[in-house]
Amino acid sequence: MTVHINPVGGVLLVVAYVVGHLVYKHTRTGPTSKGDVVGAIGCGTAVATMLLLVLSGGTPVVQTPAPTGDGTPSTPASLVPGP
């Protein structure tokens, strides 16, 4: 089974990983200390989210109903009030 990843999404994940890795390495204070894992994950997630918003254009996809031909717009079944 092959999963297709959009090239922009792949670049986004690589950049987020690199930022997280740099934050982890930068927060080490000594030769035996460990870096801030939570901070690195948070920074990587924030970078991925911001890049996703910037690179996707930030425009939501709005579905408009197709005209029925008799002058009245069609209403999707999910928007029709129930009994």
N, C-alpha and C. Protein backbone atom coordinates (compact mmCIF):
# COMPACT_ATOMS: atom_id res chain seq x y z
N MET A 1 0.85 -1.17 0.00
CA MET A 1 0.00 0.00 0.00
C MET A 1 0.90 1.24 0.00
N THR A 2 0.62 2.16 -0.89
CA THR A 2 1.41 3.37 -1.01
C THR A 2 0.57 4.56 -0.57
N VAL A 3 1.14 5.40 0.28
CA VAL A 3 0.46 6.61 0.72
C VAL A 3 1.13 7.79 0.03
N HIS A 4 0.34 8.56 -0.71
CA HIS A 4 0.88 9.71 -1.41
C HIS A 4 0.90 10.92 -0.49
N ILE A 5 2.06 11.55 -0.35
CA ILE A 5 2.20 12.77 0.45
C ILE A 5 2.49 13.91 -0.51
N ASN A 6 1.71 14.95 -0.41
CA ASN A 6 1.90 16.14 -1.23
C ASN A 6 3.31 16.68 -1.00
N PRO A 7 4.02 17.12 -2.05
CA PRO A 7 5.38 17.64 -1.86
C PRO A 7 5.45 18.81 -0.87
N VAL A 8 4.44 19.68 -0.87
CA VAL A 8 4.44 20.79 0.08
C VAL A 8 4.32 20.25 1.51
N GLY A 9 3.50 19.24 1.70
CA GLY A 9 3.37 18.62 3.01
C GLY A 9 4.65 17.95 3.46
N GLY A 10 5.36 17.32 2.53
CA GLY A 10 6.64 16.70 2.86
C GLY A 10 7.68 17.71 3.29
N VAL A 11 7.76 18.82 2.57
CA VAL A 11 8.69 19.89 2.94
C VAL A 11 8.31 20.46 4.30
N LEU A 12 7.02 20.64 4.52
CA LEU A 12 6.53 21.15 5.80
C LEU A 12 6.96 20.26 6.95
N LEU A 13 6.82 18.96 6.79
CA LEU A 13 7.22 18.03 7.85
C LEU A 13 8.73 18.05 8.09
N VAL A 14 9.50 18.16 7.02
CA VAL A 14 10.96 18.20 7.17
C VAL A 14 11.39 19.47 7.91
N VAL A 15 10.81 20.61 7.53
CA VAL A 15 11.16 21.87 8.20
C VAL A 15 10.77 21.82 9.68
N ALA A 16 9.58 21.30 9.98
CA ALA A 16 9.14 21.19 11.37
C ALA A 16 10.07 20.27 12.16
N TYR A 17 10.51 19.17 11.55
CA TYR A 17 11.44 18.26 12.22
C TYR A 17 12.77 18.95 12.50
N VAL A 18 13.29 19.68 11.53
CA VAL A 18 14.58 20.37 11.71
C VAL A 18 14.47 21.42 12.81
N VAL A 19 13.38 22.18 12.83
CA VAL A 19 13.21 23.18 13.89
C VAL A 19 13.12 22.50 15.25
N GLY A 20 12.35 21.45 15.35
CA GLY A 20 12.26 20.71 16.62
C GLY A 20 13.60 20.16 17.07
N HIS A 21 14.37 19.64 16.13
CA HIS A 21 15.69 19.10 16.46
C HIS A 21 16.63 20.22 16.94
N LEU A 22 16.60 21.37 16.26
CA LEU A 22 17.44 22.49 16.68
C LEU A 22 17.06 23.00 18.06
N VAL A 23 15.79 23.07 18.35
CA VAL A 23 15.35 23.51 19.68
C VAL A 23 15.81 22.51 20.73
N TYR A 24 15.69 21.22 20.43
CA TYR A 24 16.13 20.20 21.38
C TYR A 24 17.63 20.31 21.65
N LYS A 25 18.42 20.49 20.60
CA LYS A 25 19.88 20.59 20.76
C LYS A 25 20.27 21.90 21.45
N HIS A 26 19.55 22.97 21.19
CA HIS A 26 19.88 24.28 21.76
C HIS A 26 19.58 24.34 23.26
N THR A 27 18.62 23.55 23.73
CA THR A 27 18.23 23.61 25.14
C THR A 27 19.10 22.73 26.03
N ARG A 28 20.08 22.09 25.48
CA ARG A 28 21.02 21.31 26.31
C ARG A 28 21.97 22.28 26.99
N THR A 29 22.11 22.14 28.30
CA THR A 29 22.95 23.07 29.05
C THR A 29 24.33 22.51 29.38
N GLY A 30 24.48 21.24 29.36
CA GLY A 30 25.76 20.63 29.69
C GLY A 30 25.96 19.34 28.91
N PRO A 31 27.13 18.73 29.08
CA PRO A 31 27.42 17.51 28.31
C PRO A 31 26.55 16.32 28.72
N THR A 32 26.07 16.29 29.95
CA THR A 32 25.27 15.15 30.39
C THR A 32 23.78 15.48 30.49
N SER A 33 23.39 16.72 30.22
CA SER A 33 21.99 17.08 30.35
C SER A 33 21.23 16.77 29.06
N LYS A 34 19.95 16.56 29.23
CA LYS A 34 19.09 16.31 28.08
C LYS A 34 18.39 17.59 27.68
N GLY A 35 17.99 17.68 26.44
CA GLY A 35 17.29 18.87 25.95
C GLY A 35 15.84 18.87 26.38
N ASP A 36 15.15 19.95 26.08
CA ASP A 36 13.74 20.10 26.42
C ASP A 36 12.89 19.44 25.34
N VAL A 37 12.44 18.22 25.60
CA VAL A 37 11.68 17.46 24.61
C VAL A 37 10.32 18.10 24.37
N VAL A 38 9.66 18.54 25.44
CA VAL A 38 8.33 19.13 25.30
C VAL A 38 8.41 20.44 24.51
N GLY A 39 9.41 21.25 24.79
CA GLY A 39 9.58 22.49 24.05
C GLY A 39 9.87 22.24 22.58
N ALA A 40 10.67 21.22 22.30
CA ALA A 40 11.01 20.89 20.91
C ALA A 40 9.77 20.41 20.15
N ILE A 41 8.96 19.57 20.78
CA ILE A 41 7.73 19.09 20.13
C ILE A 41 6.77 20.25 19.92
N GLY A 42 6.65 21.13 20.92
CA GLY A 42 5.77 22.29 20.79
C GLY A 42 6.21 23.22 19.67
N CYS A 43 7.51 23.48 19.58
CA CYS A 43 8.02 24.35 18.51
C CYS A 43 7.83 23.72 17.14
N GLY A 44 8.09 22.44 17.02
CA GLY A 44 7.88 21.76 15.75
C GLY A 44 6.43 21.78 15.32
N THR A 45 5.52 21.58 16.27
CA THR A 45 4.10 21.63 15.97
C THR A 45 3.66 23.03 15.57
N ALA A 46 4.17 24.03 16.28
CA ALA A 46 3.82 25.42 15.95
C ALA A 46 4.32 25.80 14.57
N VAL A 47 5.53 25.39 14.23
CA VAL A 47 6.08 25.69 12.90
C VAL A 47 5.27 24.98 11.82
N ALA A 48 4.92 23.73 12.05
CA ALA A 48 4.13 22.99 11.07
C ALA A 48 2.76 23.64 10.87
N THR A 49 2.14 24.08 11.95
CA THR A 49 0.83 24.72 11.85
C THR A 49 0.92 26.05 11.10
N MET A 50 1.90 26.86 11.44
CA MET A 50 2.03 28.15 10.78
C MET A 50 2.35 27.98 9.29
N LEU A 51 3.24 27.06 8.96
CA LEU A 51 3.56 26.84 7.55
C LEU A 51 2.35 26.30 6.79
N LEU A 52 1.57 25.45 7.44
CA LEU A 52 0.36 24.93 6.80
C LEU A 52 -0.61 26.05 6.49
N LEU A 53 -0.79 26.97 7.44
CA LEU A 53 -1.70 28.09 7.20
C LEU A 53 -1.17 29.02 6.12
N VAL A 54 0.13 29.27 6.13
CA VAL A 54 0.71 30.19 5.15
C VAL A 54 0.74 29.57 3.75
N LEU A 55 1.16 28.33 3.65
CA LEU A 55 1.32 27.71 2.34
C LEU A 55 0.00 27.25 1.73
N SER A 56 -1.02 27.04 2.54
CA SER A 56 -2.30 26.61 1.98
C SER A 56 -3.12 27.79 1.51
N GLY A 57 -2.71 29.01 1.83
CA GLY A 57 -3.43 30.19 1.38
C GLY A 57 -4.44 30.68 2.38
N GLY A 58 -4.82 29.87 3.33
CA GLY A 58 -5.75 30.28 4.36
C GLY A 58 -7.18 30.49 3.90
N THR A 59 -7.51 30.05 2.69
CA THR A 59 -8.87 30.21 2.20
C THR A 59 -9.62 28.90 2.37
N PRO A 60 -10.73 28.94 3.10
CA PRO A 60 -11.50 27.72 3.28
C PRO A 60 -12.24 27.34 2.00
N VAL A 61 -12.44 26.07 1.80
CA VAL A 61 -13.17 25.58 0.64
C VAL A 61 -14.65 25.57 0.98
N VAL A 62 -15.44 26.33 0.23
CA VAL A 62 -16.87 26.41 0.47
C VAL A 62 -17.59 25.72 -0.67
N GLN A 63 -18.44 24.78 -0.33
CA GLN A 63 -19.20 24.08 -1.36
C GLN A 63 -20.54 24.78 -1.55
N THR A 64 -20.81 25.19 -2.78
CA THR A 64 -22.09 25.81 -3.09
C THR A 64 -22.96 24.80 -3.80
N PRO A 65 -24.25 24.81 -3.48
CA PRO A 65 -25.14 23.83 -4.13
C PRO A 65 -25.31 24.16 -5.61
N ALA A 66 -25.41 23.13 -6.41
CA ALA A 66 -25.60 23.31 -7.85
C ALA A 66 -27.04 23.75 -8.12
N PRO A 67 -27.25 24.64 -9.11
CA PRO A 67 -28.62 25.07 -9.41
C PRO A 67 -29.44 23.91 -9.96
N THR A 68 -30.72 23.91 -9.60
CA THR A 68 -31.60 22.82 -10.03
C THR A 68 -32.23 23.07 -11.38
N GLY A 69 -32.18 24.30 -11.86
CA GLY A 69 -32.73 24.59 -13.17
C GLY A 69 -34.09 25.25 -13.13
N ASP A 70 -34.81 25.16 -12.01
CA ASP A 70 -36.13 25.78 -11.92
C ASP A 70 -36.10 27.10 -11.16
N GLY A 71 -34.92 27.65 -10.91
CA GLY A 71 -34.81 28.94 -10.27
C GLY A 71 -34.65 28.91 -8.77
N THR A 72 -34.79 27.74 -8.16
CA THR A 72 -34.61 27.64 -6.71
C THR A 72 -33.33 26.87 -6.44
N PRO A 73 -32.54 27.33 -5.48
CA PRO A 73 -31.31 26.58 -5.17
C PRO A 73 -31.63 25.28 -4.47
N SER A 74 -30.84 24.26 -4.79
CA SER A 74 -31.03 22.97 -4.13
C SER A 74 -30.42 23.03 -2.73
N THR A 75 -31.03 22.34 -1.80
CA THR A 75 -30.55 22.30 -0.42
C THR A 75 -29.99 20.92 -0.15
N PRO A 76 -28.74 20.83 0.33
CA PRO A 76 -28.19 19.51 0.64
C PRO A 76 -29.02 18.83 1.73
N ALA A 77 -29.07 17.51 1.69
CA ALA A 77 -29.88 16.75 2.64
C ALA A 77 -29.43 16.97 4.07
N SER A 78 -28.16 17.28 4.28
CA SER A 78 -27.67 17.47 5.65
C SER A 78 -28.18 18.78 6.25
N LEU A 79 -28.66 19.72 5.41
CA LEU A 79 -29.15 21.00 5.91
C LEU A 79 -30.66 21.06 6.05
N VAL A 80 -31.34 20.03 5.59
CA VAL A 80 -32.80 20.01 5.68
C VAL A 80 -33.18 19.67 7.11
N PRO A 81 -34.05 20.49 7.75
CA PRO A 81 -34.45 20.20 9.13
C PRO A 81 -35.23 18.90 9.20
N GLY A 82 -35.01 18.17 10.26
CA GLY A 82 -35.67 16.90 10.46
C GLY A 82 -37.08 17.06 10.99
N PRO A 83 -37.82 15.95 11.10
CA PRO A 83 -39.21 16.02 11.59
C PRO A 83 -39.32 16.35 13.05
